[in-house]
């Protein structure tokens, strides 16, 4: 791996000379001018207010669907909320009105798509959602390095906080990989403990990023302040440490302190609170069917749907985020 990291004087103020008072007063003219300006301003404000009321987002209006990567809908938890406990409830049915929708009309974010030895990546992401990593964040090479825009935004926010914590410079060493790049890295499979075979890597989604620190080796990362900080704080930005050491038997992958996967801030927060890896979280949602929790006066609903004749049920009359689980079903999140 290439270890290089791409990385007026104001003029003096002079008090104006006070002019002598003229005998003739301009007060009537000034008053009239002020009234005219006030009327014009009120008219402009009314016009703008009316245009804003009539404005609509053509995407978010489509049966409550939200634009993938929209931080206002995808990441509703603030960083200050991360340490606040929540009240959880599990129910057999979601306490919200639902309406049927064809899966053909769903915007599938893929944030929770399970990808492992038993579940190949569903497909490569839409090219419009893939962004160059450099110069938004530091990288090991500036060419051919991309991430899903949601993952890139999360990584950038996390790097900013890391710098504020006086940690060594972090950088992305690997992001989106197509099938051919993964086949090259996999080779003859002799390194399969750390490299997934082509078609079975999270890097195919653009939602996974390998993150390292300058001057620190991959396997050394976990024992450093940088590695411990990343593991403890990544959930705040919607990222999870995908292959923790304690879950090797569950994930089927050796401990990788550098591999982070974007799942969205709400899901990352819930997984951290319950010590879930992605396999366990999806299983939990399947088993419960529906659950919700209260946090800072906001109710978060998460539920699972299995398509029936190409239809699933989604929240009626409100925004939601949906992701396929890559096991034939969909996981839907909304708030109230």
C-alpha atoms as a PDB file:
ATOM      1  CA  UNK A   1       0.000   0.000   0.000  1.00  0.00           C
ATOM      2  CA  UNK A   2       1.210   3.431  -0.874  1.00  0.00           C
ATOM      3  CA  UNK A   3       1.553   5.201   2.462  1.00  0.00           C
ATOM      4  CA  UNK A   4       1.587   8.724   1.037  1.00  0.00           C
ATOM      5  CA  UNK A   5      -1.176  10.914   2.286  1.00  0.00           C
ATOM      6  CA  UNK A   6      -2.696  13.342  -0.063  1.00  0.00           C
ATOM      7  CA  UNK A   7      -3.290  16.038   1.993  1.00  0.00           C
ATOM      8  CA  UNK A   8      -5.910  42.303   4.673  1.00  0.00           C
ATOM      9  CA  UNK A   9      -5.173  44.616   6.265  1.00  0.00           C
ATOM     10  CA  UNK A  10      -8.330  46.565   7.002  1.00  0.00           C
ATOM     11  CA  UNK A  11      -8.149  50.257   6.221  1.00  0.00           C
ATOM     12  CA  UNK A  12      -8.228  52.627   9.181  1.00  0.00           C
ATOM     13  CA  UNK A  13     -11.572  54.185  10.027  1.00  0.00           C
ATOM     14  CA  UNK A  14     -11.798  57.982   9.933  1.00  0.00           C
ATOM     15  CA  UNK A  15     -14.692  59.691  11.616  1.00  0.00           C
ATOM     16  CA  UNK A  16     -16.577  61.789   9.031  1.00  0.00           C
ATOM     17  CA  UNK A  17     -16.450  65.540   9.460  1.00  0.00           C
ATOM     18  CA  UNK A  18     -19.665  66.817  10.967  1.00  0.00           C
ATOM     19  CA  UNK A  19     -21.266  69.324   8.651  1.00  0.00           C
ATOM     20  CA  UNK A  20     -22.963  72.388   9.954  1.00  0.00           C
ATOM     21  CA  UNK A  21     -26.708  72.151  10.313  1.00  0.00           C
ATOM     22  CA  UNK A  22     -28.597  73.607   7.399  1.00  0.00           C
ATOM     23  CA  UNK A  23     -31.524  75.841   7.975  1.00  0.00           C
ATOM     24  CA  UNK A  24     -33.796  73.869   5.669  1.00  0.00           C
ATOM     25  CA  UNK A  25     -34.966  70.511   7.096  1.00  0.00           C
ATOM     26  CA  UNK A  26     -35.107  67.355   4.942  1.00  0.00           C
ATOM     27  CA  UNK A  27     -37.179  65.419   7.468  1.00  0.00           C
ATOM     28  CA  UNK A  28     -40.384  65.247   5.353  1.00  0.00           C
ATOM     29  CA  UNK A  29     -38.493  63.842   2.361  1.00  0.00           C
ATOM     30  CA  UNK A  30     -36.639  61.291   4.479  1.00  0.00           C
ATOM     31  CA  UNK A  31     -39.868  60.172   6.137  1.00  0.00           C
ATOM     32  CA  UNK A  32     -41.530  59.652   2.766  1.00  0.00           C
ATOM     33  CA  UNK A  33     -38.563  57.679   1.479  1.00  0.00           C
ATOM     34  CA  UNK A  34     -38.588  55.453   4.575  1.00  0.00           C
ATOM     35  CA  UNK A  35     -42.299  54.706   4.104  1.00  0.00           C
ATOM     36  CA  UNK A  36     -41.727  53.754   0.445  1.00  0.00           C
ATOM     37  CA  UNK A  37     -38.842  51.424   1.334  1.00  0.00           C
ATOM     38  CA  UNK A  38     -40.914  49.795   4.075  1.00  0.00           C
ATOM     39  CA  UNK A  39     -43.784  49.096   1.693  1.00  0.00           C
ATOM     40  CA  UNK A  40     -41.439  47.639  -0.930  1.00  0.00           C
ATOM     41  CA  UNK A  41     -39.788  45.415   1.690  1.00  0.00           C
ATOM     42  CA  UNK A  42     -43.119  44.097   2.941  1.00  0.00           C
ATOM     43  CA  UNK A  43     -44.209  43.320  -0.580  1.00  0.00           C
ATOM     44  CA  UNK A  44     -40.995  41.438  -1.324  1.00  0.00           C
ATOM     45  CA  UNK A  45     -41.286  39.438   1.909  1.00  0.00           C
ATOM     46  CA  UNK A  46     -44.878  38.452   1.116  1.00  0.00           C
ATOM     47  CA  UNK A  47     -43.908  37.347  -2.374  1.00  0.00           C
ATOM     48  CA  UNK A  48     -40.994  35.217  -1.120  1.00  0.00           C
ATOM     49  CA  UNK A  49     -43.035  33.675   1.661  1.00  0.00           C
ATOM     50  CA  UNK A  50     -45.722  32.676  -0.794  1.00  0.00           C
ATOM     51  CA  UNK A  51     -43.199  31.137  -3.167  1.00  0.00           C
ATOM     52  CA  UNK A  52     -41.631  29.105  -0.315  1.00  0.00           C
ATOM     53  CA  UNK A  53     -45.017  27.758   0.729  1.00  0.00           C
ATOM     54  CA  UNK A  54     -45.659  26.573  -2.807  1.00  0.00           C
ATOM     55  CA  UNK A  55     -42.209  25.007  -3.213  1.00  0.00           C
ATOM     56  CA  UNK A  56     -42.042  21.211  -3.079  1.00  0.00           C
ATOM     57  CA  UNK A  57     -39.261  18.684  -3.358  1.00  0.00           C
ATOM     58  CA  UNK A  58     -40.242  16.341  -6.211  1.00  0.00           C
ATOM     59  CA  UNK A  59     -38.375  13.441  -4.616  1.00  0.00           C
ATOM     60  CA  UNK A  60     -39.486  13.718  -1.004  1.00  0.00           C
ATOM     61  CA  UNK A  61     -43.089  14.167  -2.125  1.00  0.00           C
ATOM     62  CA  UNK A  62     -43.161  10.776  -3.812  1.00  0.00           C
ATOM     63  CA  UNK A  63     -45.059   8.757  -1.209  1.00  0.00           C
ATOM     64  CA  UNK A  64     -42.841   9.948   1.623  1.00  0.00           C
ATOM     65  CA  UNK A  65     -39.600   8.693   0.109  1.00  0.00           C
ATOM     66  CA  UNK A  66     -36.447  10.485   1.161  1.00  0.00           C
ATOM     67  CA  UNK A  67     -33.467  11.305  -0.993  1.00  0.00           C
ATOM     68  CA  UNK A  68     -30.561   8.935  -0.142  1.00  0.00           C
ATOM     69  CA  UNK A  69     -27.804  10.810   1.597  1.00  0.00           C
ATOM     70  CA  UNK A  70     -30.043  13.644   2.806  1.00  0.00           C
ATOM     71  CA  UNK A  71     -28.563  14.397   6.225  1.00  0.00           C
ATOM     72  CA  UNK A  72     -31.792  15.947   7.500  1.00  0.00           C
ATOM     73  CA  UNK A  73     -33.699  12.690   7.126  1.00  0.00           C
ATOM     74  CA  UNK A  74     -30.992  10.051   7.188  1.00  0.00           C
ATOM     75  CA  UNK A  75     -29.063  11.180  10.284  1.00  0.00           C
ATOM     76  CA  UNK A  76     -31.561  12.761  12.695  1.00  0.00           C
ATOM     77  CA  UNK A  77     -29.495  12.114  15.827  1.00  0.00           C
ATOM     78  CA  UNK A  78     -27.115  14.881  16.755  1.00  0.00           C
ATOM     79  CA  UNK A  79     -23.683  14.134  18.174  1.00  0.00           C
ATOM     80  CA  UNK A  80     -24.935  15.401  21.531  1.00  0.00           C
ATOM     81  CA  UNK A  81     -27.665  12.733  21.463  1.00  0.00           C
ATOM     82  CA  UNK A  82     -25.162   9.903  21.193  1.00  0.00           C
ATOM     83  CA  UNK A  83     -24.680   9.444  24.942  1.00  0.00           C
ATOM     84  CA  UNK A  84     -28.313  10.003  25.883  1.00  0.00           C
ATOM     85  CA  UNK A  85     -30.137   6.833  26.970  1.00  0.00           C
ATOM     86  CA  UNK A  86     -33.379   5.866  25.296  1.00  0.00           C
ATOM     87  CA  UNK A  87     -36.585   4.079  26.260  1.00  0.00           C
ATOM     88  CA  UNK A  88     -37.235   1.045  24.094  1.00  0.00           C
ATOM     89  CA  UNK A  89     -40.445  -0.767  23.343  1.00  0.00           C
ATOM     90  CA  UNK A  90     -41.112  -3.809  21.156  1.00  0.00           C
ATOM     91  CA  UNK A  91     -44.503  -4.467  19.624  1.00  0.00           C
ATOM     92  CA  UNK A  92     -46.030  -6.981  17.274  1.00  0.00           C
ATOM     93  CA  UNK A  93     -47.272  -4.201  15.022  1.00  0.00           C
ATOM     94  CA  UNK A  94     -45.799  -0.747  14.375  1.00  0.00           C
ATOM     95  CA  UNK A  95     -47.975   1.932  16.050  1.00  0.00           C
ATOM     96  CA  UNK A  96     -48.055   4.014  12.868  1.00  0.00           C
ATOM     97  CA  UNK A  97     -50.362   4.009   9.841  1.00  0.00           C
ATOM     98  CA  UNK A  98     -49.029   2.019   6.886  1.00  0.00           C
ATOM     99  CA  UNK A  99     -49.820   1.978   3.196  1.00  0.00           C
ATOM    100  CA  UNK A 100     -48.850  -0.510   0.463  1.00  0.00           C
ATOM    101  CA  UNK A 101     -46.158   0.385  -2.058  1.00  0.00           C
ATOM    102  CA  UNK A 102     -44.609  -1.469  -4.959  1.00  0.00           C
ATOM    103  CA  UNK A 103     -40.957  -2.364  -4.446  1.00  0.00           C
ATOM    104  CA  UNK A 104     -40.339  -0.897  -7.883  1.00  0.00           C
ATOM    105  CA  UNK A 105     -41.084   2.552  -6.442  1.00  0.00           C
ATOM    106  CA  UNK A 106     -38.842   2.191  -3.418  1.00  0.00           C
ATOM    107  CA  UNK A 107     -35.573   4.113  -3.167  1.00  0.00           C
ATOM    108  CA  UNK A 108     -33.383   1.404  -1.684  1.00  0.00           C
ATOM    109  CA  UNK A 109     -30.422   2.990   0.145  1.00  0.00           C
ATOM    110  CA  UNK A 110     -28.727  -0.374   0.714  1.00  0.00           C
ATOM    111  CA  UNK A 111     -27.386   0.930   4.035  1.00  0.00           C
ATOM    112  CA  UNK A 112     -28.270  -2.330   5.833  1.00  0.00           C
ATOM    113  CA  UNK A 113     -27.604  -4.815   3.034  1.00  0.00           C
ATOM    114  CA  UNK A 114     -25.926  -7.857   4.585  1.00  0.00           C
ATOM    115  CA  UNK A 115     -22.827  -8.858   2.644  1.00  0.00           C
ATOM    116  CA  UNK A 116     -20.671 -11.757   3.785  1.00  0.00           C
ATOM    117  CA  UNK A 117     -19.549 -15.217   2.685  1.00  0.00           C
ATOM    118  CA  UNK A 118     -23.183 -16.330   2.393  1.00  0.00           C
ATOM    119  CA  UNK A 119     -24.683 -13.181   0.893  1.00  0.00           C
ATOM    120  CA  UNK A 120     -23.031 -11.656  -2.182  1.00  0.00           C
ATOM    121  CA  UNK A 121     -23.259  -7.930  -2.835  1.00  0.00           C
ATOM    122  CA  UNK A 122     -26.597  -7.244  -4.559  1.00  0.00           C
ATOM    123  CA  UNK A 123     -25.128  -4.874  -7.155  1.00  0.00           C
ATOM    124  CA  UNK A 124     -22.753  -1.986  -7.571  1.00  0.00           C
ATOM    125  CA  UNK A 125     -24.181   1.397  -6.513  1.00  0.00           C
ATOM    126  CA  UNK A 126     -25.558   4.026  -8.828  1.00  0.00           C
ATOM    127  CA  UNK A 127     -22.645   6.020 -10.255  1.00  0.00           C
ATOM    128  CA  UNK A 128     -24.380   9.258  -9.288  1.00  0.00           C
ATOM    129  CA  UNK A 129     -24.035   8.323  -5.613  1.00  0.00           C
ATOM    130  CA  UNK A 130     -20.291   7.625  -5.788  1.00  0.00           C
ATOM    131  CA  UNK A 131     -18.000  10.585  -5.054  1.00  0.00           C
ATOM    132  CA  UNK A 132     -14.220  11.037  -5.198  1.00  0.00           C
ATOM    133  CA  UNK A 133     -12.770  10.876  -1.704  1.00  0.00           C
ATOM    134  CA  UNK A 134      -9.991  13.381  -2.372  1.00  0.00           C
ATOM    135  CA  UNK A 135      -9.915  16.302  -1.592  1.00  0.00           C
ATOM    136  CA  UNK A 136     -12.788  15.977   0.912  1.00  0.00           C
ATOM    137  CA  UNK A 137     -10.651  13.769   3.161  1.00  0.00           C
ATOM    138  CA  UNK A 138      -7.054  12.540   3.086  1.00  0.00           C
ATOM    139  CA  UNK A 139      -6.340   9.357   1.132  1.00  0.00           C
ATOM    140  CA  UNK A 140      -3.453   7.011   0.461  1.00  0.00           C
ATOM    141  CA  UNK A 141      -3.712   7.802  -3.259  1.00  0.00           C
ATOM    142  CA  UNK A 142      -5.671  10.511  -5.000  1.00  0.00           C
ATOM    143  CA  UNK A 143      -6.608   8.520  -8.092  1.00  0.00           C
ATOM    144  CA  UNK A 144      -9.331   5.870  -8.238  1.00  0.00           C
ATOM    145  CA  UNK A 145     -10.566   6.401  -4.660  1.00  0.00           C
ATOM    146  CA  UNK A 146     -14.332   6.730  -4.250  1.00  0.00           C
ATOM    147  CA  UNK A 147     -17.039   6.345  -1.601  1.00  0.00           C
ATOM    148  CA  UNK A 148     -20.803   6.493  -1.476  1.00  0.00           C
ATOM    149  CA  UNK A 149     -21.695  10.121  -0.749  1.00  0.00           C
ATOM    150  CA  UNK A 150     -23.345   9.200   2.576  1.00  0.00           C
ATOM    151  CA  UNK A 151     -20.275   7.291   3.736  1.00  0.00           C
ATOM    152  CA  UNK A 152     -17.972  10.079   2.576  1.00  0.00           C
ATOM    153  CA  UNK A 153     -19.923  12.696   4.493  1.00  0.00           C
ATOM    154  CA  UNK A 154     -19.786  10.558   7.642  1.00  0.00           C
ATOM    155  CA  UNK A 155     -16.044   9.915   7.305  1.00  0.00           C
ATOM    156  CA  UNK A 156     -15.368  13.621   6.787  1.00  0.00           C
ATOM    157  CA  UNK A 157     -17.296  14.538   9.948  1.00  0.00           C
ATOM    158  CA  UNK A 158     -15.482  11.854  11.905  1.00  0.00           C
ATOM    159  CA  UNK A 159     -12.052  13.009  10.700  1.00  0.00           C
ATOM    160  CA  UNK A 160     -12.878  16.568  11.732  1.00  0.00           C
ATOM    161  CA  UNK A 161     -13.722  15.416  15.258  1.00  0.00           C
ATOM    162  CA  UNK A 162     -10.575  13.280  15.395  1.00  0.00           C
ATOM    163  CA  UNK A 163      -8.432  16.289  14.544  1.00  0.00           C
ATOM    164  CA  UNK A 164     -10.159  18.253  17.291  1.00  0.00           C
ATOM    165  CA  UNK A 165      -9.191  15.426  19.668  1.00  0.00           C
ATOM    166  CA  UNK A 166      -5.505  15.904  18.688  1.00  0.00           C
ATOM    167  CA  UNK A 167      -5.209  12.480  17.065  1.00  0.00           C
ATOM    168  CA  UNK A 168      -2.737  11.659  14.307  1.00  0.00           C
ATOM    169  CA  UNK A 169      -3.845  12.327  10.755  1.00  0.00           C
ATOM    170  CA  UNK A 170      -6.379   9.734   9.596  1.00  0.00           C
ATOM    171  CA  UNK A 171      -6.807   8.766   5.968  1.00  0.00           C
ATOM    172  CA  UNK A 172      -8.828   6.420   3.786  1.00  0.00           C
ATOM    173  CA  UNK A 173      -6.733   3.612   2.368  1.00  0.00           C
ATOM    174  CA  UNK A 174      -9.505   1.859   0.448  1.00  0.00           C
ATOM    175  CA  UNK A 175     -13.070   2.670  -0.564  1.00  0.00           C
ATOM    176  CA  UNK A 176     -15.284   1.521  -3.427  1.00  0.00           C
ATOM    177  CA  UNK A 177     -13.944  -1.463  -5.364  1.00  0.00           C
ATOM    178  CA  UNK A 178     -15.450  -2.972  -8.449  1.00  0.00           C
ATOM    179  CA  UNK A 179     -15.439  -6.712  -9.160  1.00  0.00           C
ATOM    180  CA  UNK A 180     -12.157  -6.642 -11.068  1.00  0.00           C
ATOM    181  CA  UNK A 181     -10.268  -4.707  -8.405  1.00  0.00           C
ATOM    182  CA  UNK A 182     -11.525  -7.138  -5.761  1.00  0.00           C
ATOM    183  CA  UNK A 183     -10.478 -10.113  -7.885  1.00  0.00           C
ATOM    184  CA  UNK A 184      -6.971  -8.656  -8.148  1.00  0.00           C
ATOM    185  CA  UNK A 185      -6.707  -8.175  -4.372  1.00  0.00           C
ATOM    186  CA  UNK A 186      -8.141 -11.618  -3.635  1.00  0.00           C
ATOM    187  CA  UNK A 187      -5.691 -13.340  -5.971  1.00  0.00           C
ATOM    188  CA  UNK A 188      -5.444 -17.049  -5.284  1.00  0.00           C
ATOM    189  CA  UNK A 189      -7.300 -16.758  -1.987  1.00  0.00           C
ATOM    190  CA  UNK A 190      -4.217 -17.144   0.191  1.00  0.00           C
ATOM    191  CA  UNK A 191      -5.197 -13.949   2.037  1.00  0.00           C
ATOM    192  CA  UNK A 192      -8.884 -14.852   2.391  1.00  0.00           C
ATOM    193  CA  UNK A 193      -8.820 -14.253   6.150  1.00  0.00           C
ATOM    194  CA  UNK A 194      -8.814 -10.540   5.404  1.00  0.00           C
ATOM    195  CA  UNK A 195      -9.835 -10.205   1.746  1.00  0.00           C
ATOM    196  CA  UNK A 196     -13.261 -11.336   0.594  1.00  0.00           C
ATOM    197  CA  UNK A 197     -13.658 -13.036  -2.795  1.00  0.00           C
ATOM    198  CA  UNK A 198     -14.947 -10.851  -5.643  1.00  0.00           C
ATOM    199  CA  UNK A 199     -18.674 -10.315  -5.404  1.00  0.00           C
ATOM    200  CA  UNK A 200     -18.745 -10.798  -1.624  1.00  0.00           C
ATOM    201  CA  UNK A 201     -17.037  -7.638  -0.420  1.00  0.00           C
ATOM    202  CA  UNK A 202     -18.707  -4.684   1.299  1.00  0.00           C
ATOM    203  CA  UNK A 203     -16.389  -2.474  -0.724  1.00  0.00           C
ATOM    204  CA  UNK A 204     -18.583  -3.198  -3.760  1.00  0.00           C
ATOM    205  CA  UNK A 205     -21.257  -0.937  -2.216  1.00  0.00           C
ATOM    206  CA  UNK A 206     -19.069   2.132  -1.650  1.00  0.00           C
ATOM    207  CA  UNK A 207     -20.376   2.151   1.937  1.00  0.00           C
ATOM    208  CA  UNK A 208     -17.226   0.583   3.408  1.00  0.00           C
ATOM    209  CA  UNK A 209     -13.997   2.442   4.073  1.00  0.00           C
ATOM    210  CA  UNK A 210     -10.649   1.197   5.329  1.00  0.00           C
ATOM    211  CA  UNK A 211      -9.305   3.891   7.653  1.00  0.00           C
ATOM    212  CA  UNK A 212      -5.721   4.135   8.870  1.00  0.00           C
ATOM    213  CA  UNK A 213      -3.502   6.661  10.643  1.00  0.00           C
ATOM    214  CA  UNK A 214      -0.214   8.055   9.402  1.00  0.00           C
ATOM    215  CA  UNK A 215       2.744   6.048  10.649  1.00  0.00           C
ATOM    216  CA  UNK A 216       0.605   3.233  12.114  1.00  0.00           C
ATOM    217  CA  UNK A 217       0.310  -0.207  10.519  1.00  0.00           C
ATOM    218  CA  UNK A 218      -3.019  -1.889   9.879  1.00  0.00           C
ATOM    219  CA  UNK A 219      -2.654  -4.575  12.528  1.00  0.00           C
ATOM    220  CA  UNK A 220      -1.166  -2.075  14.976  1.00  0.00           C
ATOM    221  CA  UNK A 221      -4.136   0.299  14.773  1.00  0.00           C
ATOM    222  CA  UNK A 222      -6.247  -1.320  17.501  1.00  0.00           C
ATOM    223  CA  UNK A 223      -3.621  -0.713  20.184  1.00  0.00           C
ATOM    224  CA  UNK A 224      -3.262   3.004  19.478  1.00  0.00           C
ATOM    225  CA  UNK A 225      -5.292   6.020  20.676  1.00  0.00           C
ATOM    226  CA  UNK A 226      -6.436   6.468  17.058  1.00  0.00           C
ATOM    227  CA  UNK A 227      -7.772   2.930  16.789  1.00  0.00           C
ATOM    228  CA  UNK A 228      -9.493   3.047  20.172  1.00  0.00           C
ATOM    229  CA  UNK A 229     -11.059   6.419  19.360  1.00  0.00           C
ATOM    230  CA  UNK A 230     -12.385   5.174  16.014  1.00  0.00           C
ATOM    231  CA  UNK A 231     -13.896   2.051  17.572  1.00  0.00           C
ATOM    232  CA  UNK A 232     -15.532   4.050  20.371  1.00  0.00           C
ATOM    233  CA  UNK A 233     -16.841   7.000  18.348  1.00  0.00           C
ATOM    234  CA  UNK A 234     -17.601   5.837  14.805  1.00  0.00           C
ATOM    235  CA  UNK A 235     -21.263   5.149  15.620  1.00  0.00           C
ATOM    236  CA  UNK A 236     -21.768   8.866  16.257  1.00  0.00           C
ATOM    237  CA  UNK A 237     -21.356   9.419  12.511  1.00  0.00           C
ATOM    238  CA  UNK A 238     -23.393   6.450  11.286  1.00  0.00           C
ATOM    239  CA  UNK A 239     -20.370   4.139  10.897  1.00  0.00           C
ATOM    240  CA  UNK A 240     -19.792   0.789  12.584  1.00  0.00           C
ATOM    241  CA  UNK A 241     -16.637  -1.211  13.167  1.00  0.00           C
ATOM    242  CA  UNK A 242     -17.779  -4.020  10.920  1.00  0.00           C
ATOM    243  CA  UNK A 243     -15.485  -6.833  12.071  1.00  0.00           C
ATOM    244  CA  UNK A 244     -14.756  -6.527  15.811  1.00  0.00           C
ATOM    245  CA  UNK A 245     -12.520  -9.053  17.502  1.00  0.00           C
ATOM    246  CA  UNK A 246     -15.216 -10.521  19.724  1.00  0.00           C
ATOM    247  CA  UNK A 247     -17.492 -11.306  16.748  1.00  0.00           C
ATOM    248  CA  UNK A 248     -15.143 -13.259  14.462  1.00  0.00           C
ATOM    249  CA  UNK A 249     -17.276 -16.395  14.813  1.00  0.00           C
ATOM    250  CA  UNK A 250     -20.368 -14.420  13.766  1.00  0.00           C
ATOM    251  CA  UNK A 251     -18.974 -12.372  10.890  1.00  0.00           C
ATOM    252  CA  UNK A 252     -16.643 -15.078   9.594  1.00  0.00           C
ATOM    253  CA  UNK A 253     -13.928 -12.424   9.178  1.00  0.00           C
ATOM    254  CA  UNK A 254     -10.825 -11.847  11.270  1.00  0.00           C
ATOM    255  CA  UNK A 255     -10.639  -8.732  13.392  1.00  0.00           C
ATOM    256  CA  UNK A 256     -10.175  -5.669  11.168  1.00  0.00           C
ATOM    257  CA  UNK A 257      -9.792  -2.513  13.273  1.00  0.00           C
ATOM    258  CA  UNK A 258      -9.562  -0.469  10.066  1.00  0.00           C
ATOM    259  CA  UNK A 259     -12.782  -1.545   8.302  1.00  0.00           C
ATOM    260  CA  UNK A 260     -15.815   0.692   8.854  1.00  0.00           C
ATOM    261  CA  UNK A 261     -19.243   0.398   7.247  1.00  0.00           C
ATOM    262  CA  UNK A 262     -21.852   3.113   6.904  1.00  0.00           C
ATOM    263  CA  UNK A 263     -25.331   2.055   8.093  1.00  0.00           C
ATOM    264  CA  UNK A 264     -26.871   5.399   9.124  1.00  0.00           C
ATOM    265  CA  UNK A 265     -26.669   7.178  12.459  1.00  0.00           C
ATOM    266  CA  UNK A 266     -29.835   5.737  14.035  1.00  0.00           C
ATOM    267  CA  UNK A 267     -28.944   2.129  13.206  1.00  0.00           C
ATOM    268  CA  UNK A 268     -25.301   2.593  14.239  1.00  0.00           C
ATOM    269  CA  UNK A 269     -26.431   4.086  17.545  1.00  0.00           C
ATOM    270  CA  UNK A 270     -28.825   1.197  18.248  1.00  0.00           C
ATOM    271  CA  UNK A 271     -26.220  -1.411  17.312  1.00  0.00           C
ATOM    272  CA  UNK A 272     -23.677   0.195  19.635  1.00  0.00           C
ATOM    273  CA  UNK A 273     -26.158   0.353  22.513  1.00  0.00           C
ATOM    274  CA  UNK A 274     -26.891  -3.364  22.161  1.00  0.00           C
ATOM    275  CA  UNK A 275     -23.452  -4.654  21.080  1.00  0.00           C
ATOM    276  CA  UNK A 276     -24.814  -5.894  17.747  1.00  0.00           C
ATOM    277  CA  UNK A 277     -22.799  -6.597  14.632  1.00  0.00           C
ATOM    278  CA  UNK A 278     -24.732  -6.297  11.382  1.00  0.00           C
ATOM    279  CA  UNK A 279     -25.595 -10.016  11.247  1.00  0.00           C
ATOM    280  CA  UNK A 280     -27.083  -9.847  14.747  1.00  0.00           C
ATOM    281  CA  UNK A 281     -28.946  -6.608  14.125  1.00  0.00           C
ATOM    282  CA  UNK A 282     -30.683  -7.907  11.017  1.00  0.00           C
ATOM    283  CA  UNK A 283     -31.554 -11.154  12.804  1.00  0.00           C
ATOM    284  CA  UNK A 284     -32.968  -9.158  15.715  1.00  0.00           C
ATOM    285  CA  UNK A 285     -35.185  -7.089  13.410  1.00  0.00           C
ATOM    286  CA  UNK A 286     -36.384 -10.246  11.651  1.00  0.00           C
ATOM    287  CA  UNK A 287     -37.264 -11.885  14.956  1.00  0.00           C
ATOM    288  CA  UNK A 288     -38.966  -8.857  16.502  1.00  0.00           C
ATOM    289  CA  UNK A 289     -40.678  -7.715  13.348  1.00  0.00           C
ATOM    290  CA  UNK A 290     -41.032  -4.193  14.703  1.00  0.00           C
ATOM    291  CA  UNK A 291     -39.529  -2.129  17.486  1.00  0.00           C
ATOM    292  CA  UNK A 292     -39.386   1.512  18.431  1.00  0.00           C
ATOM    293  CA  UNK A 293     -37.585   3.663  20.956  1.00  0.00           C
ATOM    294  CA  UNK A 294     -37.987   7.119  22.441  1.00  0.00           C
ATOM    295  CA  UNK A 295     -35.042   9.493  22.470  1.00  0.00           C
ATOM    296  CA  UNK A 296     -35.135  13.170  23.384  1.00  0.00           C
ATOM    297  CA  UNK A 297     -38.846  13.352  22.688  1.00  0.00           C
ATOM    298  CA  UNK A 298     -38.552  11.710  19.259  1.00  0.00           C
ATOM    299  CA  UNK A 299     -39.948   8.254  18.535  1.00  0.00           C
ATOM    300  CA  UNK A 300     -37.881   6.138  16.137  1.00  0.00           C
ATOM    301  CA  UNK A 301     -39.632   3.231  14.418  1.00  0.00           C
ATOM    302  CA  UNK A 302     -37.772   0.337  12.780  1.00  0.00           C
ATOM    303  CA  UNK A 303     -39.592  -2.572  11.201  1.00  0.00           C
ATOM    304  CA  UNK A 304     -39.128  -5.366   8.666  1.00  0.00           C
ATOM    305  CA  UNK A 305     -41.198  -6.162   5.598  1.00  0.00           C
ATOM    306  CA  UNK A 306     -41.136  -9.149   3.291  1.00  0.00           C
ATOM    307  CA  UNK A 307     -42.533  -8.375  -0.177  1.00  0.00           C
ATOM    308  CA  UNK A 308     -45.813 -10.022  -1.079  1.00  0.00           C
ATOM    309  CA  UNK A 309     -46.501 -10.002  -4.812  1.00  0.00           C
ATOM    310  CA  UNK A 310     -44.020  -7.166  -5.201  1.00  0.00           C
ATOM    311  CA  UNK A 311     -45.594  -5.003  -2.488  1.00  0.00           C
ATOM    312  CA  UNK A 312     -44.507  -3.914   0.990  1.00  0.00           C
ATOM    313  CA  UNK A 313     -46.068  -1.636   3.593  1.00  0.00           C
ATOM    314  CA  UNK A 314     -44.451   1.708   4.344  1.00  0.00           C
ATOM    315  CA  UNK A 315     -45.351   4.648   6.625  1.00  0.00           C
ATOM    316  CA  UNK A 316     -48.301   6.616   5.328  1.00  0.00           C
ATOM    317  CA  UNK A 317     -47.977  10.344   4.907  1.00  0.00           C
ATOM    318  CA  UNK A 318     -44.492  10.741   6.376  1.00  0.00           C
ATOM    319  CA  UNK A 319     -40.862  10.434   5.310  1.00  0.00           C
ATOM    320  CA  UNK A 320     -38.982   7.203   5.769  1.00  0.00           C
ATOM    321  CA  UNK A 321     -35.720   5.509   4.865  1.00  0.00           C
ATOM    322  CA  UNK A 322     -35.740   1.981   3.480  1.00  0.00           C
ATOM    323  CA  UNK A 323     -32.938  -0.511   2.873  1.00  0.00           C
ATOM    324  CA  UNK A 324     -33.010  -4.018   1.558  1.00  0.00           C
ATOM    325  CA  UNK A 325     -31.440  -6.498   3.951  1.00  0.00           C
ATOM    326  CA  UNK A 326     -30.059  -8.552   1.048  1.00  0.00           C
ATOM    327  CA  UNK A 327     -31.978 -11.522   2.424  1.00  0.00           C
ATOM    328  CA  UNK A 328     -35.198 -10.916   0.521  1.00  0.00           C
ATOM    329  CA  UNK A 329     -36.689  -8.321   2.846  1.00  0.00           C
ATOM    330  CA  UNK A 330     -36.644  -4.597   3.598  1.00  0.00           C
ATOM    331  CA  UNK A 331     -35.910  -2.654   6.782  1.00  0.00           C
ATOM    332  CA  UNK A 332     -37.798   0.608   7.152  1.00  0.00           C
ATOM    333  CA  UNK A 333     -37.069   3.457   9.562  1.00  0.00           C
ATOM    334  CA  UNK A 334     -39.130   6.530  10.285  1.00  0.00           C
ATOM    335  CA  UNK A 335     -39.675   9.019  13.103  1.00  0.00           C
ATOM    336  CA  UNK A 336     -42.612  10.734  14.722  1.00  0.00           C
END
